[in-house]
Amino acid sequence: MPDDVSLVGYDNIPEAEYVWPPSTTVRQDFGEAGRRALELLVAQIEGEPRTGTLVAREPELVARGSSGPPP
């Protein structure tokens, strides 16, 4: 399959590793996103000024058998 079409999923569900071919996916750190959201919520409740700063988290590509190399 990767010779003709590459398939990439999102969220790295556990099943992605066990299908054939194993699915390439994008993994996010949901624990870190939750911790950061809680920090921002507590700061807002405590009346701290909002900075307007964009909070971005770097996703991770988990390459498996459903994707081939770039052309």
N, C-alpha and C. Protein backbone atom coordinates (compact mmCIF):
# COMPACT_ATOMS: atom_id res chain seq x y z
N MET A 1 0.80 -1.20 0.00
CA MET A 1 0.00 0.00 0.00
C MET A 1 0.85 1.27 0.00
N PRO A 2 1.89 1.42 0.83
CA PRO A 2 2.63 2.68 0.84
C PRO A 2 3.28 3.02 -0.50
N ASP A 3 3.41 2.05 -1.40
CA ASP A 3 3.99 2.35 -2.71
C ASP A 3 3.02 3.16 -3.57
N ASP A 4 1.71 3.01 -3.32
CA ASP A 4 0.70 3.69 -4.12
C ASP A 4 0.09 4.89 -3.39
N VAL A 5 -0.26 4.70 -2.14
CA VAL A 5 -0.96 5.71 -1.35
C VAL A 5 -0.44 5.66 0.07
N SER A 6 -0.20 6.81 0.69
CA SER A 6 0.16 6.84 2.10
C SER A 6 -1.06 7.24 2.91
N LEU A 7 -1.23 6.60 4.05
CA LEU A 7 -2.35 6.88 4.93
C LEU A 7 -1.79 7.33 6.28
N VAL A 8 -2.26 8.49 6.74
CA VAL A 8 -1.82 9.02 8.03
C VAL A 8 -3.05 9.37 8.84
N GLY A 9 -3.12 8.83 10.05
CA GLY A 9 -4.23 9.12 10.95
C GLY A 9 -3.84 10.19 11.97
N TYR A 10 -4.73 10.41 12.91
CA TYR A 10 -4.51 11.44 13.92
C TYR A 10 -4.96 10.93 15.28
N ASP A 11 -4.25 11.26 16.33
CA ASP A 11 -4.53 10.94 17.73
C ASP A 11 -3.93 9.63 18.20
N ASN A 12 -3.27 8.88 17.34
CA ASN A 12 -2.55 7.67 17.73
C ASN A 12 -3.40 6.72 18.58
N ILE A 13 -4.57 6.37 18.07
CA ILE A 13 -5.41 5.42 18.81
C ILE A 13 -4.67 4.09 18.92
N PRO A 14 -4.89 3.33 19.98
CA PRO A 14 -4.14 2.08 20.18
C PRO A 14 -4.24 1.10 19.00
N GLU A 15 -5.37 1.05 18.34
CA GLU A 15 -5.56 0.11 17.24
C GLU A 15 -4.67 0.41 16.04
N ALA A 16 -4.18 1.64 15.92
CA ALA A 16 -3.36 2.03 14.76
C ALA A 16 -2.13 1.16 14.62
N GLU A 17 -1.62 0.68 15.71
CA GLU A 17 -0.41 -0.14 15.71
C GLU A 17 -0.67 -1.57 15.25
N TYR A 18 -1.93 -2.02 15.35
CA TYR A 18 -2.22 -3.43 15.14
C TYR A 18 -2.97 -3.76 13.85
N VAL A 19 -3.35 -2.76 13.06
CA VAL A 19 -3.99 -3.04 11.77
C VAL A 19 -2.89 -3.32 10.75
N TRP A 20 -3.28 -3.82 9.56
CA TRP A 20 -2.27 -4.08 8.53
C TRP A 20 -2.52 -3.21 7.33
N PRO A 21 -1.59 -2.46 6.85
CA PRO A 21 -0.30 -2.20 7.50
C PRO A 21 -0.49 -1.31 8.72
N PRO A 22 0.43 -1.36 9.68
CA PRO A 22 0.31 -0.50 10.85
C PRO A 22 0.20 0.96 10.41
N SER A 23 -0.74 1.69 10.99
CA SER A 23 -1.04 3.05 10.53
C SER A 23 -0.09 4.10 11.07
N THR A 24 0.45 4.88 10.16
CA THR A 24 1.21 6.07 10.54
C THR A 24 0.21 7.05 11.15
N THR A 25 0.61 7.75 12.19
CA THR A 25 -0.32 8.62 12.89
C THR A 25 0.40 9.81 13.50
N VAL A 26 -0.38 10.77 13.93
CA VAL A 26 0.14 11.95 14.63
C VAL A 26 -0.26 11.82 16.09
N ARG A 27 0.72 11.93 16.97
CA ARG A 27 0.49 11.81 18.41
C ARG A 27 0.56 13.18 19.05
N GLN A 28 -0.37 13.43 19.99
CA GLN A 28 -0.36 14.65 20.78
C GLN A 28 -0.21 14.27 22.25
N ASP A 29 0.36 15.15 23.04
CA ASP A 29 0.48 14.93 24.47
C ASP A 29 -0.75 15.53 25.15
N PHE A 30 -1.81 14.73 25.27
CA PHE A 30 -3.05 15.23 25.85
C PHE A 30 -2.90 15.55 27.33
N GLY A 31 -2.03 14.83 28.03
CA GLY A 31 -1.78 15.13 29.44
C GLY A 31 -1.22 16.52 29.61
N GLU A 32 -0.24 16.87 28.80
CA GLU A 32 0.37 18.20 28.86
C GLU A 32 -0.64 19.28 28.46
N ALA A 33 -1.46 19.01 27.46
CA ALA A 33 -2.47 19.98 27.05
C ALA A 33 -3.47 20.21 28.18
N GLY A 34 -3.86 19.14 28.87
CA GLY A 34 -4.78 19.27 29.99
C GLY A 34 -4.17 20.04 31.15
N ARG A 35 -2.90 19.76 31.46
CA ARG A 35 -2.22 20.49 32.54
C ARG A 35 -2.15 21.99 32.22
N ARG A 36 -1.81 22.30 30.98
CA ARG A 36 -1.69 23.71 30.59
C ARG A 36 -3.05 24.39 30.64
N ALA A 37 -4.10 23.70 30.19
CA ALA A 37 -5.45 24.28 30.24
C ALA A 37 -5.86 24.54 31.69
N LEU A 38 -5.53 23.62 32.59
CA LEU A 38 -5.85 23.80 34.00
C LEU A 38 -5.09 24.99 34.59
N GLU A 39 -3.82 25.13 34.24
CA GLU A 39 -3.04 26.28 34.70
C GLU A 39 -3.68 27.59 34.25
N LEU A 40 -4.09 27.65 33.00
CA LEU A 40 -4.72 28.87 32.48
C LEU A 40 -6.06 29.14 33.17
N LEU A 41 -6.83 28.10 33.43
CA LEU A 41 -8.11 28.25 34.11
C LEU A 41 -7.92 28.75 35.53
N VAL A 42 -6.99 28.17 36.26
CA VAL A 42 -6.72 28.61 37.64
C VAL A 42 -6.24 30.05 37.65
N ALA A 43 -5.38 30.42 36.72
CA ALA A 43 -4.90 31.79 36.64
C ALA A 43 -6.06 32.76 36.39
N GLN A 44 -6.99 32.36 35.55
CA GLN A 44 -8.14 33.22 35.25
C GLN A 44 -9.04 33.34 36.49
N ILE A 45 -9.27 32.24 37.18
CA ILE A 45 -10.09 32.26 38.39
C ILE A 45 -9.46 33.15 39.46
N GLU A 46 -8.14 33.12 39.55
CA GLU A 46 -7.42 33.92 40.54
C GLU A 46 -7.25 35.38 40.11
N GLY A 47 -7.77 35.73 38.95
CA GLY A 47 -7.76 37.11 38.51
C GLY A 47 -6.48 37.57 37.87
N GLU A 48 -5.61 36.67 37.52
CA GLU A 48 -4.36 37.07 36.85
C GLU A 48 -4.69 37.60 35.45
N PRO A 49 -3.97 38.63 35.04
CA PRO A 49 -4.25 39.20 33.70
C PRO A 49 -3.93 38.19 32.59
N ARG A 50 -4.76 38.21 31.59
CA ARG A 50 -4.54 37.33 30.43
C ARG A 50 -3.48 37.94 29.54
N THR A 51 -2.59 37.11 29.07
CA THR A 51 -1.49 37.61 28.24
C THR A 51 -1.82 37.60 26.76
N GLY A 52 -2.80 36.83 26.36
CA GLY A 52 -3.12 36.72 24.95
C GLY A 52 -2.11 35.87 24.19
N THR A 53 -1.28 35.16 24.94
CA THR A 53 -0.24 34.34 24.33
C THR A 53 -0.86 33.06 23.77
N LEU A 54 -0.50 32.74 22.56
CA LEU A 54 -0.93 31.50 21.94
C LEU A 54 -0.15 30.35 22.55
N VAL A 55 -0.87 29.32 22.96
CA VAL A 55 -0.23 28.14 23.53
C VAL A 55 -0.27 27.04 22.48
N ALA A 56 0.87 26.63 22.01
CA ALA A 56 0.95 25.59 20.98
C ALA A 56 1.77 24.42 21.49
N ARG A 57 1.37 23.25 21.15
CA ARG A 57 2.09 22.04 21.51
C ARG A 57 2.54 21.36 20.23
N GLU A 58 3.74 20.88 20.21
CA GLU A 58 4.31 20.22 19.04
C GLU A 58 3.81 18.78 18.96
N PRO A 59 3.09 18.41 17.91
CA PRO A 59 2.69 17.01 17.74
C PRO A 59 3.88 16.17 17.29
N GLU A 60 3.74 14.87 17.38
CA GLU A 60 4.81 13.95 16.98
C GLU A 60 4.29 13.01 15.91
N LEU A 61 5.02 12.87 14.83
CA LEU A 61 4.67 11.92 13.78
C LEU A 61 5.20 10.55 14.17
N VAL A 62 4.30 9.55 14.19
CA VAL A 62 4.67 8.18 14.48
C VAL A 62 4.59 7.42 13.15
N ALA A 63 5.74 7.25 12.49
CA ALA A 63 5.77 6.61 11.17
C ALA A 63 5.70 5.10 11.33
N ARG A 64 4.72 4.52 10.64
CA ARG A 64 4.56 3.07 10.61
C ARG A 64 4.42 2.63 9.16
N GLY A 65 3.92 1.46 8.94
CA GLY A 65 3.91 0.88 7.61
C GLY A 65 2.92 1.44 6.60
N SER A 66 2.01 2.33 7.00
CA SER A 66 1.01 2.81 6.04
C SER A 66 1.47 4.03 5.25
N SER A 67 2.71 4.43 5.45
CA SER A 67 3.22 5.56 4.67
C SER A 67 4.60 5.25 4.15
N GLY A 68 4.86 5.72 2.97
CA GLY A 68 6.17 5.51 2.36
C GLY A 68 6.99 6.78 2.43
N PRO A 69 8.19 6.73 1.91
CA PRO A 69 9.03 7.94 1.91
C PRO A 69 8.47 8.96 0.93
N PRO A 70 8.80 10.24 1.12
CA PRO A 70 8.36 11.26 0.17
C PRO A 70 8.89 10.94 -1.23
N PRO A 71 8.15 11.39 -2.25
CA PRO A 71 8.59 11.11 -3.63
C PRO A 71 9.89 11.83 -3.95
